[in-house]
Amino acid sequence: MQTCRAAFIAMLALMACAGSAGGQTSGGTDACPPLETRAPNAQDQHPAFPGQTRACVVQSNIAFDVVVLATGLEQPWAVEPLPGGDVLVTEKPGRMRIVSAKGDLGPPIVGVPAVDARGQGGLLDVALSPNFAADRTIYWSYAEPRRGGNGTTVARGVLSPDRRSLEQVRVILRTIPTYDGTKHYGSRLAFGPDGMLYVTTGERSDTPMRVHAQRLDNHLGKVLRIHPDGSVPKDNPFVGQPNALPEIWTLGHRNIQAAAFDPEGRLWVVEHGTRGGDELNLIVKGKNYGWPLVAYGEEYSGEPIAGAVTARPGFEQPVYYWDPVIAPSGAQFYTGDAFPAWRGSLFVGSLKERRLVRLVLVNDRVAGEEHLLADRRQRVRDVRQGAGGELYVVTDKGNGELWKIVPKQSPGDISSKSSDKLSAVRRHDGADR
């Protein structure tokens, strides 16, 4: 009963906060201050609707522990929980490993194709087949070295029974065009409730490449949708359209490194903006999300984005944007039982601000923002929910770590841990600042 009453009070407070934010273009008032208080980079820009940026600060005050399951990972890019409590991790130089539930770091899995690990490239995301328990199939994205450059590629393979190698490896998607660059590969993979594989891409960053995000004759700056075998679903929006690639689901994206389906089965993505203008977008079939014609923020040089405005007819507005940016990577809607107060929240990794961002969504708008793990000052590359409601996080550095976020344990529980694991547990009150 007390739990229900506390949840009801929290909901009323959140509604009041959202209502306060609704009348302010800045996203906050004295009664409901925004989390972000620094000056924006693009100071002459204004949100298209109240609450589109600088959401109210919220504090869940959840008590949790962070267990460091593994260290010594070289620039881990993705984490994917396996049945039974082990987790699969990719390392950017081209390795895929399994970390046991106890924290034992396995050897590199044999059979991963060569990658181009320069710049932002390398071995990137990984996802399990929806039927993994039966078919043991794994999907991964990577920057594939090619004649004339490289490109985002998706492959699949079957994990051997001893989990040491990949068999029947096959490329199912090779994005075009090939480009000799080292940035903006996108590369998040997400299976939808429709059984389809959704693949995000970047527009390859360099100014001459940006136009590809608005064209349908290429895969760059897009969300793509394919069958698990790589074939094209007949109900994709541009199937049969002249000079359009049939894999395209949406267009007008800059560099999507975060994608997650919500409990209602809808796809949300978080993409990197320039200096100011990271975006949270709700993905709708066939829509155009604007880049580089519609964008918030400014160039890294401080100059305006050439030819861009913040709104045009026929282009989608982001649900939310950050200025200054967080540099988003990895996303997870929380649906677990371990932290009931977090249910429905969208977690997003932050590279630039070095923390884990929690967004509270109400009626498809961001009503509150909370920053966690800021005291650790680590670039959060990916976040995923485990079967028990725990959260797994990987940090982006040469000596990267795998963390497991679990409910705070009593002193008696902690004392039962082995001495080597005791040093890996940090105390948190859920409101790190």
Protein backbone atom coordinates (compact mmCIF):
# COMPACT_ATOMS: atom_id res chain seq x y z
CA MET A 1 0.00 0.00 0.00
CA GLN A 2 2.82 2.40 0.90
CA THR A 3 4.53 1.56 -2.38
CA CYS A 4 1.37 2.38 -4.36
CA ARG A 5 0.90 5.64 -2.44
CA ALA A 6 4.53 6.65 -3.07
CA ALA A 7 4.16 5.87 -6.76
CA PHE A 8 0.95 7.94 -6.93
CA ILE A 9 2.61 10.92 -5.24
CA ALA A 10 5.58 10.64 -7.60
CA MET A 11 3.22 10.59 -10.58
CA LEU A 12 1.43 13.73 -9.35
CA ALA A 13 4.75 15.49 -8.88
CA LEU A 14 5.85 14.50 -12.36
CA MET A 15 2.58 15.75 -13.86
CA ALA A 16 3.00 19.05 -12.06
CA CYS A 17 6.56 19.27 -13.30
CA ALA A 18 5.50 18.53 -16.86
CA GLY A 19 2.74 21.11 -16.60
CA SER A 20 5.19 23.75 -15.40
CA ALA A 21 7.50 22.93 -18.26
CA GLY A 22 4.62 23.17 -20.74
CA GLY A 23 4.42 26.94 -20.52
CA GLN A 24 8.12 27.59 -20.95
CA THR A 25 10.16 27.31 -24.12
CA SER A 26 13.23 26.79 -21.95
CA GLY A 27 11.69 23.65 -20.45
CA GLY A 28 11.67 24.73 -16.81
CA THR A 29 10.39 27.21 -14.23
CA ASP A 30 11.28 28.12 -10.67
CA ALA A 31 8.89 25.38 -9.52
CA CYS A 32 10.31 22.91 -11.98
CA PRO A 33 13.87 23.91 -12.95
CA PRO A 34 15.53 22.37 -16.01
CA LEU A 35 18.43 20.01 -15.51
CA GLU A 36 20.51 21.85 -18.13
CA THR A 37 21.44 25.38 -17.04
CA ARG A 38 24.43 26.13 -19.28
CA ALA A 39 24.01 28.53 -22.19
CA PRO A 40 23.11 26.82 -25.49
CA ASN A 41 25.59 26.88 -28.33
CA ALA A 42 22.98 28.13 -30.81
CA GLN A 43 21.52 30.91 -28.71
CA ASP A 44 19.27 32.32 -31.43
CA GLN A 45 17.37 29.05 -31.87
CA HIS A 46 14.10 28.25 -30.15
CA PRO A 47 12.25 24.95 -29.65
CA ALA A 48 9.26 24.18 -31.85
CA PHE A 49 7.07 23.35 -28.85
CA PRO A 50 7.28 23.64 -25.05
CA GLY A 51 9.49 21.03 -23.41
CA GLN A 52 11.36 20.08 -26.59
CA THR A 53 14.64 20.85 -24.83
CA ARG A 54 15.92 21.45 -21.27
CA ALA A 55 13.45 19.20 -19.50
CA CYS A 56 12.73 19.43 -15.80
CA VAL A 57 15.24 17.88 -13.46
CA VAL A 58 13.89 14.70 -11.84
CA GLN A 59 15.42 12.57 -9.10
CA SER A 60 14.33 8.98 -8.68
CA ASN A 61 16.48 8.54 -5.54
CA ILE A 62 16.91 4.87 -6.32
CA ALA A 63 19.51 3.08 -4.24
CA PHE A 64 21.68 0.88 -6.41
CA ASP A 65 25.09 -0.74 -6.58
CA VAL A 66 27.41 -0.77 -9.56
CA VAL A 67 29.33 -4.01 -9.85
CA VAL A 68 32.32 -3.94 -12.18
CA LEU A 69 31.98 -7.31 -13.88
CA ALA A 70 35.00 -6.99 -16.16
CA THR A 71 37.90 -4.67 -16.93
CA GLY A 72 40.56 -4.70 -19.63
CA LEU A 73 38.13 -4.49 -22.54
CA GLU A 74 39.53 -2.51 -25.47
CA GLN A 75 36.99 0.13 -26.47
CA PRO A 76 33.87 -1.98 -25.96
CA TRP A 77 31.02 -0.80 -28.20
CA ALA A 78 28.05 -3.00 -27.37
CA VAL A 79 26.75 -5.32 -24.67
CA GLU A 80 24.07 -7.96 -25.20
CA PRO A 81 22.78 -10.17 -22.34
CA LEU A 82 22.72 -13.90 -23.06
CA PRO A 83 20.31 -16.47 -21.62
CA GLY A 84 21.56 -17.67 -18.26
CA GLY A 85 23.21 -14.45 -17.09
CA ASP A 86 26.33 -14.24 -19.27
CA VAL A 87 26.79 -11.26 -21.59
CA LEU A 88 28.21 -10.77 -25.07
CA VAL A 89 30.49 -7.78 -25.62
CA THR A 90 32.04 -6.33 -28.77
CA GLU A 91 35.39 -4.56 -28.83
CA LYS A 92 36.00 -1.95 -31.50
CA PRO A 93 39.31 -3.40 -32.80
CA GLY A 94 37.38 -6.47 -34.00
CA ARG A 95 36.84 -8.83 -31.08
CA MET A 96 33.69 -10.36 -29.66
CA ARG A 97 33.81 -11.94 -26.20
CA ILE A 98 31.54 -13.53 -23.64
CA VAL A 99 31.76 -12.34 -20.04
CA SER A 100 30.35 -14.87 -17.58
CA ALA A 101 27.77 -13.97 -14.95
CA LYS A 102 30.63 -14.20 -12.43
CA GLY A 103 32.75 -11.74 -14.38
CA ASP A 104 35.15 -14.12 -16.11
CA LEU A 105 36.37 -12.66 -19.41
CA GLY A 106 36.30 -15.20 -22.22
CA PRO A 107 38.71 -15.38 -25.16
CA PRO A 108 37.89 -13.67 -28.48
CA ILE A 109 35.29 -15.59 -30.46
CA VAL A 110 36.77 -16.96 -33.68
CA GLY A 111 35.16 -16.13 -37.02
CA VAL A 112 34.56 -12.38 -36.82
CA PRO A 113 35.37 -10.81 -40.23
CA ALA A 114 38.05 -8.16 -40.63
CA VAL A 115 37.06 -4.63 -39.64
CA ASP A 116 38.32 -1.14 -40.41
CA ALA A 117 38.91 0.16 -36.89
CA ARG A 118 40.19 3.60 -37.81
CA GLY A 119 38.40 6.59 -36.31
CA GLN A 120 34.84 5.68 -35.37
CA GLY A 121 34.95 2.39 -37.27
CA GLY A 122 35.50 -1.17 -36.10
CA LEU A 123 33.34 -3.95 -34.72
CA LEU A 124 30.26 -2.13 -33.47
CA ASP A 125 26.83 -3.42 -32.42
CA VAL A 126 25.65 -6.95 -31.71
CA ALA A 127 22.15 -8.42 -31.34
CA LEU A 128 20.76 -11.87 -30.67
CA SER A 129 18.29 -13.50 -32.99
CA PRO A 130 14.74 -13.38 -31.56
CA ASN A 131 14.97 -17.19 -31.67
CA PHE A 132 18.48 -17.35 -30.22
CA ALA A 133 17.61 -20.11 -27.74
CA ALA A 134 16.82 -22.37 -30.70
CA ASP A 135 19.03 -21.11 -33.55
CA ARG A 136 22.04 -19.61 -31.64
CA THR A 137 22.26 -16.91 -34.33
CA ILE A 138 24.04 -13.62 -33.67
CA TYR A 139 23.91 -10.43 -35.76
CA TRP A 140 26.57 -7.74 -35.74
CA SER A 141 27.44 -4.50 -37.52
CA TYR A 142 30.91 -3.31 -38.43
CA ALA A 143 32.92 -0.95 -40.59
CA GLU A 144 33.88 -3.26 -43.43
CA PRO A 145 37.13 -2.57 -45.29
CA ARG A 146 36.41 -2.39 -49.02
CA ARG A 147 38.11 -1.41 -52.22
CA GLY A 148 38.01 2.38 -52.24
CA GLY A 149 37.18 2.79 -48.56
CA ASN A 150 34.73 1.17 -46.15
CA GLY A 151 31.09 1.04 -45.18
CA THR A 152 28.60 -0.14 -42.59
CA THR A 153 27.93 -3.85 -43.02
CA VAL A 154 25.71 -6.29 -41.13
CA ALA A 155 26.52 -9.99 -40.85
CA ARG A 156 25.14 -12.96 -39.02
CA GLY A 157 26.54 -16.24 -37.80
CA VAL A 158 25.75 -19.19 -35.58
CA LEU A 159 27.50 -19.39 -32.21
CA SER A 160 29.13 -22.79 -31.83
CA PRO A 161 27.96 -25.04 -28.98
CA ASP A 162 31.17 -24.35 -27.05
CA ARG A 163 30.65 -20.61 -27.67
CA ARG A 164 34.18 -20.17 -29.00
CA SER A 165 33.52 -19.59 -32.69
CA LEU A 166 31.01 -18.33 -35.25
CA GLU A 167 29.83 -20.68 -37.98
CA GLN A 168 27.88 -20.11 -41.20
CA VAL A 169 28.96 -16.45 -41.24
CA ARG A 170 27.19 -14.46 -43.95
CA VAL A 171 26.84 -10.77 -44.82
CA ILE A 172 23.14 -9.84 -45.02
CA LEU A 173 23.45 -6.08 -45.65
CA ARG A 174 26.22 -4.08 -47.25
CA THR A 175 25.38 -0.37 -47.28
CA ILE A 176 26.21 1.81 -50.27
CA PRO A 177 28.01 3.88 -51.30
CA THR A 178 31.48 2.87 -50.14
CA TYR A 179 33.38 5.88 -48.83
CA ASP A 180 36.98 6.48 -47.80
CA GLY A 181 36.29 8.08 -44.42
CA THR A 182 36.43 7.21 -40.74
CA LYS A 183 33.26 8.69 -39.20
CA HIS A 184 29.50 8.27 -38.82
CA TYR A 185 28.77 4.60 -39.33
CA GLY A 186 25.61 4.60 -37.20
CA SER A 187 25.35 0.82 -36.75
CA ARG A 188 22.80 0.15 -34.01
CA LEU A 189 20.77 -3.03 -34.51
CA ALA A 190 17.32 -3.63 -33.04
CA PHE A 191 14.81 -6.40 -33.67
CA GLY A 192 11.24 -5.14 -33.68
CA PRO A 193 8.11 -6.89 -32.45
CA ASP A 194 7.38 -7.52 -36.13
CA GLY A 195 10.44 -9.79 -36.27
CA MET A 196 12.28 -7.42 -38.61
CA LEU A 197 15.82 -6.16 -38.10
CA TYR A 198 16.17 -2.39 -37.96
CA VAL A 199 19.61 -0.99 -38.81
CA THR A 200 20.74 2.60 -38.26
CA THR A 201 23.37 4.33 -40.37
CA GLY A 202 25.26 7.62 -40.47
CA GLU A 203 25.84 9.95 -43.41
CA ARG A 204 29.65 9.64 -43.07
CA SER A 205 30.09 13.14 -41.59
CA ASP A 206 32.12 14.96 -44.24
CA THR A 207 30.27 17.91 -45.77
CA PRO A 208 30.13 16.51 -49.33
CA MET A 209 28.48 13.33 -47.97
CA ARG A 210 25.66 15.05 -46.08
CA VAL A 211 23.40 15.26 -49.12
CA HIS A 212 23.07 11.47 -49.10
CA ALA A 213 20.87 11.67 -45.98
CA GLN A 214 18.16 13.31 -48.13
CA ARG A 215 18.48 10.99 -51.12
CA LEU A 216 16.80 7.61 -51.54
CA ASP A 217 19.42 6.10 -53.86
CA ASN A 218 21.76 5.18 -50.98
CA HIS A 219 21.72 3.81 -47.42
CA LEU A 220 23.47 6.70 -45.65
CA GLY A 221 21.73 8.70 -42.92
CA LYS A 222 18.84 6.25 -42.74
CA VAL A 223 16.97 3.73 -40.65
CA LEU A 224 16.83 0.49 -42.65
CA ARG A 225 14.43 -2.45 -42.22
CA ILE A 226 15.16 -5.97 -43.42
CA HIS A 227 14.14 -9.55 -42.79
CA PRO A 228 16.56 -11.52 -40.58
CA ASP A 229 17.95 -13.15 -43.72
CA GLY A 230 18.65 -9.75 -45.30
CA SER A 231 15.77 -9.76 -47.77
CA VAL A 232 13.48 -6.75 -48.11
CA PRO A 233 9.99 -6.68 -46.56
CA LYS A 234 7.35 -5.93 -49.17
CA ASP A 235 5.69 -3.30 -46.96
CA ASN A 236 8.76 -1.06 -46.68
CA PRO A 237 7.71 2.47 -47.71
CA PHE A 238 9.91 2.91 -50.80
CA VAL A 239 9.63 -0.55 -52.33
CA GLY A 240 9.01 -0.19 -56.05
CA GLN A 241 9.78 3.52 -56.14
CA PRO A 242 12.22 4.43 -58.95
CA ASN A 243 15.75 5.32 -57.81
CA ALA A 244 15.00 4.36 -54.21
CA LEU A 245 16.66 1.59 -52.22
CA PRO A 246 13.99 -0.73 -50.83
CA GLU A 247 15.65 -1.28 -47.45
CA ILE A 248 14.99 2.34 -46.40
CA TRP A 249 12.48 2.87 -43.59
CA THR A 250 13.20 6.55 -42.75
CA LEU A 251 15.67 9.17 -43.96
CA GLY A 252 17.24 12.49 -42.96
CA HIS A 253 19.41 11.28 -40.08
CA ARG A 254 22.93 12.39 -39.15
CA ASN A 255 24.48 9.58 -37.11
CA ILE A 256 22.27 7.22 -35.09
CA GLN A 257 24.15 5.29 -32.41
CA ALA A 258 21.17 4.59 -30.16
CA ALA A 259 17.96 2.73 -30.96
CA ALA A 260 15.37 1.02 -28.77
CA PHE A 261 11.80 -0.22 -28.98
CA ASP A 262 9.40 1.00 -26.31
CA PRO A 263 6.89 -1.25 -24.49
CA GLU A 264 4.30 -0.36 -27.15
CA GLY A 265 6.54 -1.69 -29.92
CA ARG A 266 7.58 1.68 -31.36
CA LEU A 267 11.13 2.49 -32.40
CA TRP A 268 12.93 5.47 -30.88
CA VAL A 269 16.39 6.61 -31.94
CA VAL A 270 18.87 9.06 -30.47
CA GLU A 271 21.29 10.60 -32.93
CA HIS A 272 24.38 12.75 -32.74
CA GLY A 273 23.93 16.37 -33.71
CA THR A 274 26.70 18.84 -34.40
CA ARG A 275 27.58 21.30 -31.61
CA GLY A 276 24.13 21.44 -30.09
CA GLY A 277 21.35 19.38 -31.61
CA ASP A 278 21.54 15.78 -30.41
CA GLU A 279 18.06 14.44 -31.14
CA LEU A 280 15.55 11.98 -29.72
CA ASN A 281 13.21 10.88 -32.51
CA LEU A 282 10.14 8.63 -32.59
CA ILE A 283 10.50 6.71 -35.83
CA VAL A 284 7.49 6.58 -38.17
CA LYS A 285 7.53 4.64 -41.45
CA GLY A 286 8.59 6.70 -44.46
CA LYS A 287 9.18 9.98 -42.61
CA ASN A 288 12.01 12.47 -43.22
CA TYR A 289 13.85 13.66 -40.10
CA GLY A 290 15.53 16.61 -41.73
CA TRP A 291 19.30 16.37 -41.68
CA PRO A 292 21.01 18.46 -43.06
CA LEU A 293 18.11 20.73 -44.09
CA VAL A 294 16.44 20.83 -40.68
CA ALA A 295 18.62 20.76 -37.59
CA TYR A 296 19.26 22.36 -34.24
CA GLY A 297 22.72 23.42 -33.13
CA GLU A 298 25.67 24.76 -35.10
CA GLU A 299 28.85 23.54 -36.77
CA TYR A 300 31.81 22.59 -34.58
CA SER A 301 33.46 25.76 -35.89
CA GLY A 302 30.68 27.84 -34.35
CA GLU A 303 29.27 28.79 -37.76
CA PRO A 304 25.63 28.11 -38.67
CA ILE A 305 24.87 24.82 -40.43
CA ALA A 306 24.83 25.83 -44.08
CA GLY A 307 21.33 25.72 -45.57
CA ALA A 308 19.69 24.47 -42.38
CA VAL A 309 16.76 25.87 -40.41
CA THR A 310 15.08 24.43 -37.34
CA ALA A 311 11.72 23.75 -39.03
CA ARG A 312 10.35 23.18 -42.54
CA PRO A 313 7.00 21.81 -43.72
CA GLY A 314 7.13 18.09 -44.47
CA PHE A 315 9.97 17.32 -42.05
CA GLU A 316 9.68 15.70 -38.63
CA GLN A 317 10.60 17.58 -35.47
CA PRO A 318 12.65 15.77 -32.84
CA VAL A 319 10.72 14.83 -29.72
CA TYR A 320 13.63 16.28 -27.75
CA TYR A 321 17.03 17.82 -28.38
CA TRP A 322 20.08 18.70 -26.31
CA ASP A 323 22.10 21.90 -26.59
CA PRO A 324 24.78 21.53 -25.25
CA VAL A 325 24.98 17.96 -26.46
CA ILE A 326 25.43 14.73 -24.52
CA ALA A 327 26.89 12.72 -27.47
CA PRO A 328 24.42 9.79 -27.24
CA SER A 329 25.27 6.12 -27.73
CA GLY A 330 23.20 3.13 -26.69
CA ALA A 331 19.60 3.19 -25.47
CA GLN A 332 17.23 1.02 -23.45
CA PHE A 333 13.61 1.37 -22.38
CA TYR A 334 13.38 0.01 -18.87
CA THR A 335 10.69 -2.62 -18.29
CA GLY A 336 12.19 -4.64 -15.44
CA ASP A 337 11.18 -5.47 -11.88
CA ALA A 338 14.47 -4.66 -10.15
CA PHE A 339 13.79 -0.90 -10.20
CA PRO A 340 10.00 -0.31 -10.35
CA ALA A 341 10.39 3.48 -10.23
CA TRP A 342 12.36 3.37 -13.48
CA ARG A 343 9.73 1.48 -15.49
CA GLY A 344 8.98 3.26 -18.74
CA SER A 345 12.14 5.38 -18.57
CA LEU A 346 14.46 5.63 -21.55
CA PHE A 347 18.13 5.24 -20.63
CA VAL A 348 20.71 6.76 -23.00
CA GLY A 349 24.49 6.53 -22.77
CA SER A 350 26.42 9.79 -22.87
CA LEU A 351 29.92 9.93 -24.31
CA LYS A 352 30.67 13.65 -24.00
CA GLU A 353 29.11 14.23 -20.59
CA ARG A 354 30.33 10.83 -19.31
CA ARG A 355 27.19 9.58 -17.59
CA LEU A 356 23.97 7.63 -17.99
CA VAL A 357 20.95 9.76 -18.92
CA ARG A 358 17.43 8.81 -17.85
CA LEU A 359 14.47 10.38 -19.64
CA VAL A 360 10.92 10.34 -18.27
CA LEU A 361 8.37 10.26 -21.08
CA VAL A 362 4.75 11.37 -20.70
CA ASN A 363 2.46 11.30 -23.74
CA ASP A 364 5.47 10.97 -26.05
CA ARG A 365 7.14 14.07 -24.62
CA VAL A 366 10.15 14.31 -22.31
CA ALA A 367 8.79 15.41 -18.92
CA GLY A 368 11.99 14.97 -16.95
CA GLU A 369 15.70 14.21 -17.19
CA GLU A 370 18.04 12.64 -14.66
CA HIS A 371 21.79 12.05 -14.93
CA LEU A 372 23.32 9.01 -13.22
CA LEU A 373 26.89 7.70 -12.74
CA ALA A 374 28.32 11.17 -13.35
CA ASP A 375 30.83 10.77 -10.53
CA ARG A 376 32.52 7.92 -12.41
CA ARG A 377 33.36 10.20 -15.35
CA GLN A 378 33.31 7.40 -17.90
CA ARG A 379 32.11 7.56 -21.50
CA VAL A 380 29.01 5.35 -21.55
CA ARG A 381 28.88 3.56 -24.92
CA ASP A 382 25.97 1.16 -24.44
CA VAL A 383 23.27 0.21 -21.95
CA ARG A 384 21.11 -2.92 -21.97
CA GLN A 385 18.60 -4.52 -19.64
CA GLY A 386 19.15 -8.03 -18.35
CA ALA A 387 16.54 -10.71 -17.71
CA GLY A 388 16.34 -9.87 -14.01
CA GLY A 389 15.89 -6.15 -14.56
CA GLU A 390 19.53 -5.29 -13.96
CA LEU A 391 21.24 -2.86 -16.34
CA TYR A 392 24.51 -3.59 -18.13
CA VAL A 393 26.77 -0.74 -19.20
CA VAL A 394 30.04 -0.67 -21.15
CA THR A 395 32.49 2.23 -21.05
CA ASP A 396 34.32 3.53 -24.07
CA LYS A 397 38.05 3.58 -23.39
CA GLY A 398 41.20 1.59 -24.03
CA ASN A 399 40.79 -0.17 -20.68
CA GLY A 400 37.02 -0.37 -20.89
CA GLU A 401 34.76 -1.84 -18.25
CA LEU A 402 31.52 -3.80 -18.06
CA TRP A 403 29.22 -2.69 -15.25
CA LYS A 404 26.14 -4.33 -13.77
CA ILE A 405 23.66 -2.02 -12.04
CA VAL A 406 21.65 -3.84 -9.38
CA PRO A 407 19.47 -2.86 -6.40
CA LYS A 408 21.53 -1.79 -3.40
CA GLN A 409 22.32 -4.72 -1.15
CA SER A 410 22.34 -4.78 2.62
CA PRO A 411 25.68 -4.89 4.48
CA GLY A 412 25.07 -8.57 5.17
CA ASP A 413 24.73 -9.29 1.47
CA ILE A 414 27.86 -7.31 0.66
CA SER A 415 29.89 -9.13 3.32
CA SER A 416 29.14 -12.42 1.61
CA LYS A 417 30.87 -11.30 -1.56
CA SER A 418 34.36 -12.53 -2.31
CA SER A 419 37.13 -10.03 -1.57
CA ASP A 420 38.04 -9.55 -5.23
CA LYS A 421 34.47 -8.48 -6.02
CA LEU A 422 34.14 -6.19 -2.99
CA SER A 423 36.51 -3.68 -4.54
CA ALA A 424 34.36 -3.61 -7.66
CA VAL A 425 31.19 -2.44 -5.91
CA ARG A 426 30.48 1.29 -5.62
CA ARG A 427 27.63 2.83 -3.59
CA HIS A 428 25.12 5.11 -5.32
CA ASP A 429 21.98 6.89 -4.16
CA GLY A 430 20.54 7.18 -7.66
CA ALA A 431 21.00 10.95 -7.87
CA ASP A 432 24.66 11.40 -8.76
CA ARG A 433 25.58 14.99 -9.50
